[in-house]
Amino acid sequence: MSSGETRAFLRRLFDAAVAAADPMRCVPPHLPVPPKGRTLVLGAGKGSAAMAKAVEDHWSGELSGLIVTRYGSGVPCRRIEVVEAAHPVPDAKGRETARRILDLARTARPDDLVLCLISG
């Protein structure tokens, strides 16, 4: 295999790996059936906003939630609030959003579903 062929092969492998990790592709097949109660989407991390968007786009029931991601990684969502904050060292906005996420999690009832979207 020539150096050009090796490079092209490695590029195809890389592109396939990136495509497989795309939240729009990998999140929907793992979504559960909507519950009797509410669906809360909570999350944190650089990829959490993209995962939240994938949930929104493929969720048939009602949902709401709160995600915190780093500055510049936000993705517009309609039903899930996305907050951008400092990373890796949390700022006041990140700490406040983390507190709000915990408060929201505490409202979950037995018939509710909590989808927790965590990325690194």
PDB file of N, CA and C in Angstrom:
ATOM      1  N   MET A   1       0.852  -1.162   0.000  1.00  0.00           N
ATOM      2  CA  MET A   1       0.000   0.000   0.000  1.00  0.00           C
ATOM      3  C   MET A   1       0.902   1.230   0.000  1.00  0.00           C
ATOM      4  N   SER A   2       0.645   2.132  -0.916  1.00  0.00           N
ATOM      5  CA  SER A   2       1.463   3.343  -1.016  1.00  0.00           C
ATOM      6  C   SER A   2       1.124   4.298   0.128  1.00  0.00           C
ATOM      7  N   SER A   3       1.962   5.282   0.306  1.00  0.00           N
ATOM      8  CA  SER A   3       1.736   6.273   1.353  1.00  0.00           C
ATOM      9  C   SER A   3       0.430   7.029   1.125  1.00  0.00           C
ATOM     10  N   GLY A   4       0.098   7.335  -0.130  1.00  0.00           N
ATOM     11  CA  GLY A   4      -1.164   8.007  -0.449  1.00  0.00           C
ATOM     12  C   GLY A   4      -2.365   7.130  -0.144  1.00  0.00           C
ATOM     13  N   GLU A   5      -2.241   5.834  -0.447  1.00  0.00           N
ATOM     14  CA  GLU A   5      -3.339   4.897  -0.155  1.00  0.00           C
ATOM     15  C   GLU A   5      -3.526   4.725   1.355  1.00  0.00           C
ATOM     16  N   THR A   6      -2.404   4.671   2.061  1.00  0.00           N
ATOM     17  CA  THR A   6      -2.469   4.550   3.518  1.00  0.00           C
ATOM     18  C   THR A   6      -3.148   5.773   4.119  1.00  0.00           C
ATOM     19  N   ARG A   7      -2.757   6.933   3.646  1.00  0.00           N
ATOM     20  CA  ARG A   7      -3.345   8.188   4.132  1.00  0.00           C
ATOM     21  C   ARG A   7      -4.855   8.210   3.858  1.00  0.00           C
ATOM     22  N   ALA A   8      -5.273   7.824   2.662  1.00  0.00           N
ATOM     23  CA  ALA A   8      -6.699   7.811   2.302  1.00  0.00           C
ATOM     24  C   ALA A   8      -7.457   6.806   3.168  1.00  0.00           C
ATOM     25  N   PHE A   9      -6.852   5.645   3.399  1.00  0.00           N
ATOM     26  CA  PHE A   9      -7.481   4.627   4.237  1.00  0.00           C
ATOM     27  C   PHE A   9      -7.670   5.141   5.667  1.00  0.00           C
ATOM     28  N   LEU A  10      -6.617   5.743   6.221  1.00  0.00           N
ATOM     29  CA  LEU A  10      -6.700   6.274   7.579  1.00  0.00           C
ATOM     30  C   LEU A  10      -7.730   7.398   7.668  1.00  0.00           C
ATOM     31  N   ARG A  11      -7.815   8.205   6.625  1.00  0.00           N
ATOM     32  CA  ARG A  11      -8.815   9.283   6.612  1.00  0.00           C
ATOM     33  C   ARG A  11     -10.234   8.702   6.624  1.00  0.00           C
ATOM     34  N   ARG A  12     -10.469   7.639   5.859  1.00  0.00           N
ATOM     35  CA  ARG A  12     -11.790   6.994   5.847  1.00  0.00           C
ATOM     36  C   ARG A  12     -12.127   6.419   7.223  1.00  0.00           C
ATOM     37  N   LEU A  13     -11.135   5.820   7.879  1.00  0.00           N
ATOM     38  CA  LEU A  13     -11.348   5.300   9.232  1.00  0.00           C
ATOM     39  C   LEU A  13     -11.712   6.423  10.202  1.00  0.00           C
ATOM     40  N   PHE A  14     -10.975   7.515  10.124  1.00  0.00           N
ATOM     41  CA  PHE A  14     -11.243   8.661  10.989  1.00  0.00           C
ATOM     42  C   PHE A  14     -12.644   9.211  10.742  1.00  0.00           C
ATOM     43  N   ASP A  15     -12.997   9.412   9.482  1.00  0.00           N
ATOM     44  CA  ASP A  15     -14.322   9.941   9.134  1.00  0.00           C
ATOM     45  C   ASP A  15     -15.437   9.018   9.624  1.00  0.00           C
ATOM     46  N   ALA A  16     -15.232   7.710   9.530  1.00  0.00           N
ATOM     47  CA  ALA A  16     -16.235   6.746  10.001  1.00  0.00           C
ATOM     48  C   ALA A  16     -16.393   6.830  11.520  1.00  0.00           C
ATOM     49  N   ALA A  17     -15.288   6.990  12.231  1.00  0.00           N
ATOM     50  CA  ALA A  17     -15.347   7.099  13.693  1.00  0.00           C
ATOM     51  C   ALA A  17     -16.079   8.367  14.116  1.00  0.00           C
ATOM     52  N   VAL A  18     -15.788   9.475  13.461  1.00  0.00           N
ATOM     53  CA  VAL A  18     -16.461  10.739  13.780  1.00  0.00           C
ATOM     54  C   VAL A  18     -17.954  10.635  13.475  1.00  0.00           C
ATOM     55  N   ALA A  19     -18.309  10.054  12.349  1.00  0.00           N
ATOM     56  CA  ALA A  19     -19.725   9.897  11.980  1.00  0.00           C
ATOM     57  C   ALA A  19     -20.455   9.013  12.989  1.00  0.00           C
ATOM     58  N   ALA A  20     -19.803   7.969  13.466  1.00  0.00           N
ATOM     59  CA  ALA A  20     -20.434   7.053  14.426  1.00  0.00           C
ATOM     60  C   ALA A  20     -20.699   7.732  15.766  1.00  0.00           C
ATOM     61  N   ALA A  21     -19.915   8.757  16.093  1.00  0.00           N
ATOM     62  CA  ALA A  21     -20.078   9.466  17.364  1.00  0.00           C
ATOM     63  C   ALA A  21     -21.022  10.658  17.263  1.00  0.00           C
ATOM     64  N   ASP A  22     -21.577  10.924  16.095  1.00  0.00           N
ATOM     65  CA  ASP A  22     -22.497  12.047  15.911  1.00  0.00           C
ATOM     66  C   ASP A  22     -23.762  11.798  16.727  1.00  0.00           C
ATOM     67  N   PRO A  23     -24.104  12.706  17.664  1.00  0.00           N
ATOM     68  CA  PRO A  23     -25.300  12.494  18.488  1.00  0.00           C
ATOM     69  C   PRO A  23     -26.579  12.275  17.680  1.00  0.00           C
ATOM     70  N   MET A  24     -26.715  12.924  16.543  1.00  0.00           N
ATOM     71  CA  MET A  24     -27.921  12.734  15.732  1.00  0.00           C
ATOM     72  C   MET A  24     -28.025  11.300  15.218  1.00  0.00           C
ATOM     73  N   ARG A  25     -26.907  10.621  15.186  1.00  0.00           N
ATOM     74  CA  ARG A  25     -26.878   9.240  14.706  1.00  0.00           C
ATOM     75  C   ARG A  25     -26.902   8.228  15.856  1.00  0.00           C
ATOM     76  N   CYS A  26     -26.163   8.513  16.922  1.00  0.00           N
ATOM     77  CA  CYS A  26     -26.012   7.485  17.960  1.00  0.00           C
ATOM     78  C   CYS A  26     -26.991   7.607  19.122  1.00  0.00           C
ATOM     79  N   VAL A  27     -27.610   8.758  19.349  1.00  0.00           N
ATOM     80  CA  VAL A  27     -28.548   8.899  20.467  1.00  0.00           C
ATOM     81  C   VAL A  27     -29.925   8.298  20.171  1.00  0.00           C
ATOM     82  N   PRO A  28     -30.570   8.627  19.040  1.00  0.00           N
ATOM     83  CA  PRO A  28     -31.954   8.172  18.810  1.00  0.00           C
ATOM     84  C   PRO A  28     -32.215   6.674  18.980  1.00  0.00           C
ATOM     85  N   PRO A  29     -31.332   5.782  18.524  1.00  0.00           N
ATOM     86  CA  PRO A  29     -31.646   4.353  18.686  1.00  0.00           C
ATOM     87  C   PRO A  29     -31.732   3.893  20.145  1.00  0.00           C
ATOM     88  N   HIS A  30     -31.224   4.702  21.067  1.00  0.00           N
ATOM     89  CA  HIS A  30     -31.188   4.304  22.474  1.00  0.00           C
ATOM     90  C   HIS A  30     -32.238   5.012  23.329  1.00  0.00           C
ATOM     91  N   LEU A  31     -33.106   5.792  22.697  1.00  0.00           N
ATOM     92  CA  LEU A  31     -34.133   6.485  23.464  1.00  0.00           C
ATOM     93  C   LEU A  31     -35.228   5.510  23.885  1.00  0.00           C
ATOM     94  N   PRO A  32     -35.655   5.587  25.148  1.00  0.00           N
ATOM     95  CA  PRO A  32     -36.710   4.689  25.625  1.00  0.00           C
ATOM     96  C   PRO A  32     -38.097   5.178  25.204  1.00  0.00           C
ATOM     97  N   VAL A  33     -39.082   4.389  25.521  1.00  0.00           N
ATOM     98  CA  VAL A  33     -40.476   4.763  25.286  1.00  0.00           C
ATOM     99  C   VAL A  33     -40.825   5.888  26.261  1.00  0.00           C
ATOM    100  N   PRO A  34     -41.579   6.907  25.824  1.00  0.00           N
ATOM    101  CA  PRO A  34     -41.968   7.976  26.756  1.00  0.00           C
ATOM    102  C   PRO A  34     -42.718   7.410  27.970  1.00  0.00           C
ATOM    103  N   PRO A  35     -42.472   7.981  29.146  1.00  0.00           N
ATOM    104  CA  PRO A  35     -43.083   7.474  30.375  1.00  0.00           C
ATOM    105  C   PRO A  35     -44.512   7.983  30.549  1.00  0.00           C
ATOM    106  N   LYS A  36     -45.156   7.500  31.619  1.00  0.00           N
ATOM    107  CA  LYS A  36     -46.478   8.021  31.986  1.00  0.00           C
ATOM    108  C   LYS A  36     -46.351   9.449  32.499  1.00  0.00           C
ATOM    109  N   GLY A  37     -45.259   9.729  33.168  1.00  0.00           N
ATOM    110  CA  GLY A  37     -45.031  11.053  33.750  1.00  0.00           C
ATOM    111  C   GLY A  37     -44.259  11.959  32.805  1.00  0.00           C
ATOM    112  N   ARG A  38     -43.535  12.865  33.411  1.00  0.00           N
ATOM    113  CA  ARG A  38     -42.740  13.834  32.647  1.00  0.00           C
ATOM    114  C   ARG A  38     -41.433  13.209  32.170  1.00  0.00           C
ATOM    115  N   THR A  39     -40.852  13.846  31.166  1.00  0.00           N
ATOM    116  CA  THR A  39     -39.498  13.503  30.749  1.00  0.00           C
ATOM    117  C   THR A  39     -38.627  14.720  31.004  1.00  0.00           C
ATOM    118  N   LEU A  40     -37.604  14.539  31.840  1.00  0.00           N
ATOM    119  CA  LEU A  40     -36.652  15.597  32.151  1.00  0.00           C
ATOM    120  C   LEU A  40     -35.320  15.242  31.514  1.00  0.00           C
ATOM    121  N   VAL A  41     -34.744  16.187  30.809  1.00  0.00           N
ATOM    122  CA  VAL A  41     -33.433  15.990  30.194  1.00  0.00           C
ATOM    123  C   VAL A  41     -32.448  16.874  30.949  1.00  0.00           C
ATOM    124  N   LEU A  42     -31.471  16.249  31.586  1.00  0.00           N
ATOM    125  CA  LEU A  42     -30.467  16.958  32.359  1.00  0.00           C
ATOM    126  C   LEU A  42     -29.102  16.562  31.830  1.00  0.00           C
ATOM    127  N   GLY A  43     -28.167  17.499  31.819  1.00  0.00           N
ATOM    128  CA  GLY A  43     -26.869  17.100  31.318  1.00  0.00           C
ATOM    129  C   GLY A  43     -25.788  18.137  31.482  1.00  0.00           C
ATOM    130  N   ALA A  44     -24.570  17.677  31.215  1.00  0.00           N
ATOM    131  CA  ALA A  44     -23.397  18.528  31.304  1.00  0.00           C
ATOM    132  C   ALA A  44     -22.314  17.971  30.393  1.00  0.00           C
ATOM    133  N   GLY A  45     -21.499  18.873  29.887  1.00  0.00           N
ATOM    134  CA  GLY A  45     -20.368  18.473  29.063  1.00  0.00           C
ATOM    135  C   GLY A  45     -20.389  19.131  27.700  1.00  0.00           C
ATOM    136  N   LYS A  46     -19.259  19.034  27.027  1.00  0.00           N
ATOM    137  CA  LYS A  46     -19.102  19.696  25.724  1.00  0.00           C
ATOM    138  C   LYS A  46     -20.071  19.178  24.679  1.00  0.00           C
ATOM    139  N   GLY A  47     -20.418  17.908  24.728  1.00  0.00           N
ATOM    140  CA  GLY A  47     -21.323  17.336  23.736  1.00  0.00           C
ATOM    141  C   GLY A  47     -22.768  17.240  24.189  1.00  0.00           C
ATOM    142  N   SER A  48     -23.057  17.696  25.409  1.00  0.00           N
ATOM    143  CA  SER A  48     -24.408  17.519  25.954  1.00  0.00           C
ATOM    144  C   SER A  48     -25.465  18.305  25.190  1.00  0.00           C
ATOM    145  N   ALA A  49     -25.133  19.481  24.694  1.00  0.00           N
ATOM    146  CA  ALA A  49     -26.126  20.273  23.951  1.00  0.00           C
ATOM    147  C   ALA A  49     -26.485  19.594  22.631  1.00  0.00           C
ATOM    148  N   ALA A  50     -25.503  19.042  21.945  1.00  0.00           N
ATOM    149  CA  ALA A  50     -25.784  18.321  20.692  1.00  0.00           C
ATOM    150  C   ALA A  50     -26.622  17.073  20.970  1.00  0.00           C
ATOM    151  N   MET A  51     -26.350  16.397  22.092  1.00  0.00           N
ATOM    152  CA  MET A  51     -27.167  15.237  22.455  1.00  0.00           C
ATOM    153  C   MET A  51     -28.593  15.667  22.792  1.00  0.00           C
ATOM    154  N   ALA A  52     -28.738  16.809  23.478  1.00  0.00           N
ATOM    155  CA  ALA A  52     -30.075  17.319  23.806  1.00  0.00           C
ATOM    156  C   ALA A  52     -30.860  17.631  22.536  1.00  0.00           C
ATOM    157  N   LYS A  53     -30.199  18.214  21.563  1.00  0.00           N
ATOM    158  CA  LYS A  53     -30.854  18.504  20.281  1.00  0.00           C
ATOM    159  C   LYS A  53     -31.306  17.207  19.614  1.00  0.00           C
ATOM    160  N   ALA A  54     -30.489  16.177  19.670  1.00  0.00           N
ATOM    161  CA  ALA A  54     -30.859  14.881  19.090  1.00  0.00           C
ATOM    162  C   ALA A  54     -32.077  14.301  19.803  1.00  0.00           C
ATOM    163  N   VAL A  55     -32.122  14.433  21.129  1.00  0.00           N
ATOM    164  CA  VAL A  55     -33.287  13.950  21.875  1.00  0.00           C
ATOM    165  C   VAL A  55     -34.522  14.725  21.440  1.00  0.00           C
ATOM    166  N   GLU A  56     -34.424  16.050  21.414  1.00  0.00           N
ATOM    167  CA  GLU A  56     -35.568  16.875  21.001  1.00  0.00           C
ATOM    168  C   GLU A  56     -36.085  16.487  19.621  1.00  0.00           C
ATOM    169  N   ASP A  57     -35.185  16.318  18.696  1.00  0.00           N
ATOM    170  CA  ASP A  57     -35.580  16.034  17.311  1.00  0.00           C
ATOM    171  C   ASP A  57     -36.208  14.656  17.132  1.00  0.00           C
ATOM    172  N   HIS A  58     -35.964  13.743  18.069  1.00  0.00           N
ATOM    173  CA  HIS A  58     -36.450  12.370  17.906  1.00  0.00           C
ATOM    174  C   HIS A  58     -37.400  11.921  19.017  1.00  0.00           C
ATOM    175  N   TRP A  59     -37.811  12.826  19.886  1.00  0.00           N
ATOM    176  CA  TRP A  59     -38.671  12.471  21.008  1.00  0.00           C
ATOM    177  C   TRP A  59     -40.113  12.773  20.656  1.00  0.00           C
ATOM    178  N   SER A  60     -40.970  11.774  20.782  1.00  0.00           N
ATOM    179  CA  SER A  60     -42.370  11.942  20.388  1.00  0.00           C
ATOM    180  C   SER A  60     -43.222  12.564  21.487  1.00  0.00           C
ATOM    181  N   GLY A  61     -42.791  12.476  22.718  1.00  0.00           N
ATOM    182  CA  GLY A  61     -43.585  13.011  23.820  1.00  0.00           C
ATOM    183  C   GLY A  61     -43.121  14.384  24.256  1.00  0.00           C
ATOM    184  N   GLU A  62     -43.753  14.856  25.319  1.00  0.00           N
ATOM    185  CA  GLU A  62     -43.365  16.136  25.901  1.00  0.00           C
ATOM    186  C   GLU A  62     -42.059  15.952  26.658  1.00  0.00           C
ATOM    187  N   LEU A  63     -41.271  17.002  26.712  1.00  0.00           N
ATOM    188  CA  LEU A  63     -40.050  16.964  27.503  1.00  0.00           C
ATOM    189  C   LEU A  63     -39.612  18.373  27.828  1.00  0.00           C
ATOM    190  N   SER A  64     -38.788  18.464  28.856  1.00  0.00           N
ATOM    191  CA  SER A  64     -38.172  19.728  29.246  1.00  0.00           C
ATOM    192  C   SER A  64     -36.847  19.378  29.896  1.00  0.00           C
ATOM    193  N   GLY A  65     -36.029  20.385  30.126  1.00  0.00           N
ATOM    194  CA  GLY A  65     -34.775  20.082  30.779  1.00  0.00           C
ATOM    195  C   GLY A  65     -33.799  21.225  30.782  1.00  0.00           C
ATOM    196  N   LEU A  66     -32.600  20.920  31.246  1.00  0.00           N
ATOM    197  CA  LEU A  66     -31.544  21.905  31.411  1.00  0.00           C
ATOM    198  C   LEU A  66     -30.194  21.228  31.193  1.00  0.00           C
ATOM    199  N   ILE A  67     -29.390  21.843  30.345  1.00  0.00           N
ATOM    200  CA  ILE A  67     -28.057  21.341  29.995  1.00  0.00           C
ATOM    201  C   ILE A  67     -27.051  22.462  30.236  1.00  0.00           C
ATOM    202  N   VAL A  68     -25.874  22.125  30.741  1.00  0.00           N
ATOM    203  CA  VAL A  68     -24.785  23.097  30.818  1.00  0.00           C
ATOM    204  C   VAL A  68     -23.637  22.583  29.958  1.00  0.00           C
ATOM    205  N   THR A  69     -23.123  23.455  29.108  1.00  0.00           N
ATOM    206  CA  THR A  69     -22.025  23.107  28.212  1.00  0.00           C
ATOM    207  C   THR A  69     -21.011  24.246  28.233  1.00  0.00           C
ATOM    208  N   ARG A  70     -19.874  24.046  27.634  1.00  0.00           N
ATOM    209  CA  ARG A  70     -18.858  25.103  27.662  1.00  0.00           C
ATOM    210  C   ARG A  70     -19.222  26.206  26.669  1.00  0.00           C
ATOM    211  N   TYR A  71     -18.655  27.367  26.900  1.00  0.00           N
ATOM    212  CA  TYR A  71     -18.858  28.488  25.987  1.00  0.00           C
ATOM    213  C   TYR A  71     -18.474  28.064  24.573  1.00  0.00           C
ATOM    214  N   GLY A  72     -19.335  28.390  23.620  1.00  0.00           N
ATOM    215  CA  GLY A  72     -19.077  28.063  22.223  1.00  0.00           C
ATOM    216  C   GLY A  72     -19.585  26.707  21.788  1.00  0.00           C
ATOM    217  N   SER A  73     -20.109  25.907  22.718  1.00  0.00           N
ATOM    218  CA  SER A  73     -20.590  24.566  22.370  1.00  0.00           C
ATOM    219  C   SER A  73     -22.110  24.443  22.421  1.00  0.00           C
ATOM    220  N   GLY A  74     -22.799  25.552  22.633  1.00  0.00           N
ATOM    221  CA  GLY A  74     -24.256  25.518  22.700  1.00  0.00           C
ATOM    222  C   GLY A  74     -24.886  25.177  21.361  1.00  0.00           C
ATOM    223  N   VAL A  75     -26.022  24.535  21.416  1.00  0.00           N
ATOM    224  CA  VAL A  75     -26.812  24.185  20.238  1.00  0.00           C
ATOM    225  C   VAL A  75     -28.235  24.650  20.540  1.00  0.00           C
ATOM    226  N   PRO A  76     -28.872  25.366  19.608  1.00  0.00           N
ATOM    227  CA  PRO A  76     -30.236  25.840  19.882  1.00  0.00           C
ATOM    228  C   PRO A  76     -31.217  24.684  20.077  1.00  0.00           C
ATOM    229  N   CYS A  77     -31.943  24.728  21.174  1.00  0.00           N
ATOM    230  CA  CYS A  77     -32.988  23.756  21.472  1.00  0.00           C
ATOM    231  C   CYS A  77     -34.277  24.518  21.773  1.00  0.00           C
ATOM    232  N   ARG A  78     -35.392  23.893  21.509  1.00  0.00           N
ATOM    233  CA  ARG A  78     -36.691  24.529  21.741  1.00  0.00           C
ATOM    234  C   ARG A  78     -37.252  24.217  23.125  1.00  0.00           C
ATOM    235  N   ARG A  79     -37.081  22.991  23.580  1.00  0.00           N
ATOM    236  CA  ARG A  79     -37.725  22.559  24.822  1.00  0.00           C
ATOM    237  C   ARG A  79     -36.746  22.317  25.961  1.00  0.00           C
ATOM    238  N   ILE A  80     -35.483  22.301  25.658  1.00  0.00           N
ATOM    239  CA  ILE A  80     -34.449  22.076  26.668  1.00  0.00           C
ATOM    240  C   ILE A  80     -33.595  23.335  26.737  1.00  0.00           C
ATOM    241  N   GLU A  81     -33.463  23.894  27.934  1.00  0.00           N
ATOM    242  CA  GLU A  81     -32.638  25.090  28.107  1.00  0.00           C
ATOM    243  C   GLU A  81     -31.164  24.695  28.054  1.00  0.00           C
ATOM    244  N   VAL A  82     -30.405  25.410  27.248  1.00  0.00           N
ATOM    245  CA  VAL A  82     -28.969  25.166  27.124  1.00  0.00           C
ATOM    246  C   VAL A  82     -28.238  26.397  27.653  1.00  0.00           C
ATOM    247  N   VAL A  83     -27.380  26.194  28.645  1.00  0.00           N
ATOM    248  CA  VAL A  83     -26.607  27.275  29.242  1.00  0.00           C
ATOM    249  C   VAL A  83     -25.135  27.029  28.948  1.00  0.00           C
ATOM    250  N   GLU A  84     -24.448  28.060  28.485  1.00  0.00           N
ATOM    251  CA  GLU A  84     -23.003  27.969  28.260  1.00  0.00           C
ATOM    252  C   GLU A  84     -22.283  28.554  29.468  1.00  0.00           C
ATOM    253  N   ALA A  85     -21.227  27.872  29.906  1.00  0.00           N
ATOM    254  CA  ALA A  85     -20.454  28.307  31.066  1.00  0.00           C
ATOM    255  C   ALA A  85     -18.994  27.908  30.860  1.00  0.00           C
ATOM    256  N   ALA A  86     -18.139  28.310  31.804  1.00  0.00           N
ATOM    257  CA  ALA A  86     -16.699  28.056  31.684  1.00  0.00           C
ATOM    258  C   ALA A  86     -16.373  26.571  31.854  1.00  0.00           C
ATOM    259  N   HIS A  87     -15.310  26.155  31.166  1.00  0.00           N
ATOM    260  CA  HIS A  87     -14.816  24.782  31.241  1.00  0.00           C
ATOM    261  C   HIS A  87     -13.323  24.812  30.926  1.00  0.00           C
ATOM    262  N   PRO A  88     -12.474  24.133  31.644  1.00  0.00           N
ATOM    263  CA  PRO A  88     -12.760  23.090  32.627  1.00  0.00           C
ATOM    264  C   PRO A  88     -12.972  23.622  34.052  1.00  0.00           C
ATOM    265  N   VAL A  89     -12.578  24.863  34.334  1.00  0.00           N
ATOM    266  CA  VAL A  89     -12.786  25.410  35.673  1.00  0.00           C
ATOM    267  C   VAL A  89     -14.123  26.143  35.690  1.00  0.00           C
ATOM    268  N   PRO A  90     -15.084  25.686  36.502  1.00  0.00           N
ATOM    269  CA  PRO A  90     -16.416  26.297  36.497  1.00  0.00           C
ATOM    270  C   PRO A  90     -16.384  27.762  36.930  1.00  0.00           C
ATOM    271  N   ASP A  91     -17.213  28.558  36.288  1.00  0.00           N
ATOM    272  CA  ASP A  91     -17.408  29.938  36.710  1.00  0.00           C
ATOM    273  C   ASP A  91     -18.730  30.021  37.475  1.00  0.00           C
ATOM    274  N   ALA A  92     -19.118  31.229  37.888  1.00  0.00           N
ATOM    275  CA  ALA A  92     -20.355  31.397  38.658  1.00  0.00           C
ATOM    276  C   ALA A  92     -21.564  30.905  37.873  1.00  0.00           C
ATOM    277  N   LYS A  93     -21.572  31.140  36.573  1.00  0.00           N
ATOM    278  CA  LYS A  93     -22.698  30.698  35.743  1.00  0.00           C
ATOM    279  C   LYS A  93     -22.797  29.172  35.735  1.00  0.00           C
ATOM    280  N   GLY A  94     -21.666  28.495  35.644  1.00  0.00           N
ATOM    281  CA  GLY A  94     -21.653  27.035  35.663  1.00  0.00           C
ATOM    282  C   GLY A  94     -22.100  26.474  37.003  1.00  0.00           C
ATOM    283  N   ARG A  95     -21.636  27.093  38.093  1.00  0.00           N
ATOM    284  CA  ARG A  95     -22.044  26.635  39.426  1.00  0.00           C
ATOM    285  C   ARG A  95     -23.543  26.833  39.632  1.00  0.00           C
ATOM    286  N   GLU A  96     -24.061  27.981  39.211  1.00  0.00           N
ATOM    287  CA  GLU A  96     -25.495  28.252  39.350  1.00  0.00           C
ATOM    288  C   GLU A  96     -26.316  27.278  38.514  1.00  0.00           C
ATOM    289  N   THR A  97     -25.858  26.985  37.309  1.00  0.00           N
ATOM    290  CA  THR A  97     -26.591  26.046  36.454  1.00  0.00           C
ATOM    291  C   THR A  97     -26.540  24.638  37.033  1.00  0.00           C
ATOM    292  N   ALA A  98     -25.411  24.245  37.594  1.00  0.00           N
ATOM    293  CA  ALA A  98     -25.315  22.930  38.245  1.00  0.00           C
ATOM    294  C   ALA A  98     -26.312  22.837  39.402  1.00  0.00           C
ATOM    295  N   ARG A  99     -26.435  23.907  40.182  1.00  0.00           N
ATOM    296  CA  ARG A  99     -27.412  23.926  41.275  1.00  0.00           C
ATOM    297  C   ARG A  99     -28.829  23.787  40.731  1.00  0.00           C
ATOM    298  N   ARG A 100     -29.130  24.491  39.635  1.00  0.00           N
ATOM    299  CA  ARG A 100     -30.461  24.407  39.023  1.00  0.00           C
ATOM    300  C   ARG A 100     -30.744  22.995  38.500  1.00  0.00           C
ATOM    301  N   ILE A 101     -29.720  22.350  37.941  1.00  0.00           N
ATOM    302  CA  ILE A 101     -29.891  20.973  37.455  1.00  0.00           C
ATOM    303  C   ILE A 101     -30.235  20.051  38.628  1.00  0.00           C
ATOM    304  N   LEU A 102     -29.516  20.191  39.740  1.00  0.00           N
ATOM    305  CA  LEU A 102     -29.815  19.375  40.926  1.00  0.00           C
ATOM    306  C   LEU A 102     -31.226  19.647  41.441  1.00  0.00           C
ATOM    307  N   ASP A 103     -31.616  20.914  41.473  1.00  0.00           N
ATOM    308  CA  ASP A 103     -32.975  21.257  41.918  1.00  0.00           C
ATOM    309  C   ASP A 103     -34.023  20.618  41.012  1.00  0.00           C
ATOM    310  N   LEU A 104     -33.783  20.660  39.716  1.00  0.00           N
ATOM    311  CA  LEU A 104     -34.726  20.061  38.765  1.00  0.00           C
ATOM    312  C   LEU A 104     -34.775  18.540  38.946  1.00  0.00           C
ATOM    313  N   ALA A 105     -33.623  17.923  39.152  1.00  0.00           N
ATOM    314  CA  ALA A 105     -33.576  16.467  39.364  1.00  0.00           C
ATOM    315  C   ALA A 105     -34.379  16.072  40.600  1.00  0.00           C
ATOM    316  N   ARG A 106     -34.346  16.910  41.610  1.00  0.00           N
ATOM    317  CA  ARG A 106     -35.079  16.611  42.852  1.00  0.00           C
ATOM    318  C   ARG A 106     -36.591  16.644  42.662  1.00  0.00           C
ATOM    319  N   THR A 107     -37.072  17.237  41.573  1.00  0.00           N
ATOM    320  CA  THR A 107     -38.520  17.289  41.326  1.00  0.00           C
ATOM    321  C   THR A 107     -39.038  16.016  40.662  1.00  0.00           C
ATOM    322  N   ALA A 108     -38.138  15.124  40.264  1.00  0.00           N
ATOM    323  CA  ALA A 108     -38.554  13.894  39.568  1.00  0.00           C
ATOM    324  C   ALA A 108     -39.415  13.027  40.483  1.00  0.00           C
ATOM    325  N   ARG A 109     -40.482  12.511  39.897  1.00  0.00           N
ATOM    326  CA  ARG A 109     -41.412  11.627  40.607  1.00  0.00           C
ATOM    327  C   ARG A 109     -41.254  10.205  40.057  1.00  0.00           C
ATOM    328  N   PRO A 110     -41.851   9.219  40.709  1.00  0.00           N
ATOM    329  CA  PRO A 110     -41.691   7.825  40.275  1.00  0.00           C
ATOM    330  C   PRO A 110     -42.107   7.549  38.827  1.00  0.00           C
ATOM    331  N   ASP A 111     -43.107   8.251  38.312  1.00  0.00           N
ATOM    332  CA  ASP A 111     -43.556   8.018  36.932  1.00  0.00           C
ATOM    333  C   ASP A 111     -42.785   8.831  35.898  1.00  0.00           C
ATOM    334  N   ASP A 112     -41.842   9.651  36.345  1.00  0.00           N
ATOM    335  CA  ASP A 112     -41.062  10.487  35.431  1.00  0.00           C
ATOM    336  C   ASP A 112     -39.851   9.719  34.906  1.00  0.00           C
ATOM    337  N   LEU A 113     -39.357  10.186  33.782  1.00  0.00           N
ATOM    338  CA  LEU A 113     -38.120   9.658  33.202  1.00  0.00           C
ATOM    339  C   LEU A 113     -37.101  10.782  33.200  1.00  0.00           C
ATOM    340  N   VAL A 114     -35.909  10.509  33.710  1.00  0.00           N
ATOM    341  CA  VAL A 114     -34.817  11.475  33.668  1.00  0.00           C
ATOM    342  C   VAL A 114     -33.777  10.942  32.696  1.00  0.00           C
ATOM    343  N   LEU A 115     -33.570  11.677  31.612  1.00  0.00           N
ATOM    344  CA  LEU A 115     -32.500  11.351  30.667  1.00  0.00           C
ATOM    345  C   LEU A 115     -31.309  12.214  31.050  1.00  0.00           C
ATOM    346  N   CYS A 116     -30.215  11.588  31.412  1.00  0.00           N
ATOM    347  CA  CYS A 116     -29.017  12.303  31.846  1.00  0.00           C
ATOM    348  C   CYS A 116     -27.972  12.214  30.743  1.00  0.00           C
ATOM    349  N   LEU A 117     -27.657  13.348  30.155  1.00  0.00           N
ATOM    350  CA  LEU A 117     -26.733  13.413  29.018  1.00  0.00           C
ATOM    351  C   LEU A 117     -25.398  13.980  29.495  1.00  0.00           C
ATOM    352  N   ILE A 118     -24.408  13.130  29.615  1.00  0.00           N
ATOM    353  CA  ILE A 118     -23.090  13.521  30.110  1.00  0.00           C
ATOM    354  C   ILE A 118     -22.057  13.235  29.026  1.00  0.00           C
ATOM    355  N   SER A 119     -21.214  14.221  28.759  1.00  0.00           N
ATOM    356  CA  SER A 119     -20.133  14.000  27.792  1.00  0.00           C
ATOM    357  C   SER A 119     -18.839  14.532  28.378  1.00  0.00           C
ATOM    358  N   GLY A 120     -17.733  14.090  27.804  1.00  0.00           N
ATOM    359  CA  GLY A 120     -16.437  14.529  28.300  1.00  0.00           C
ATOM    360  C   GLY A 120     -15.735  15.401  27.321  1.00  0.00           C
TER     361      GLY A 120
END
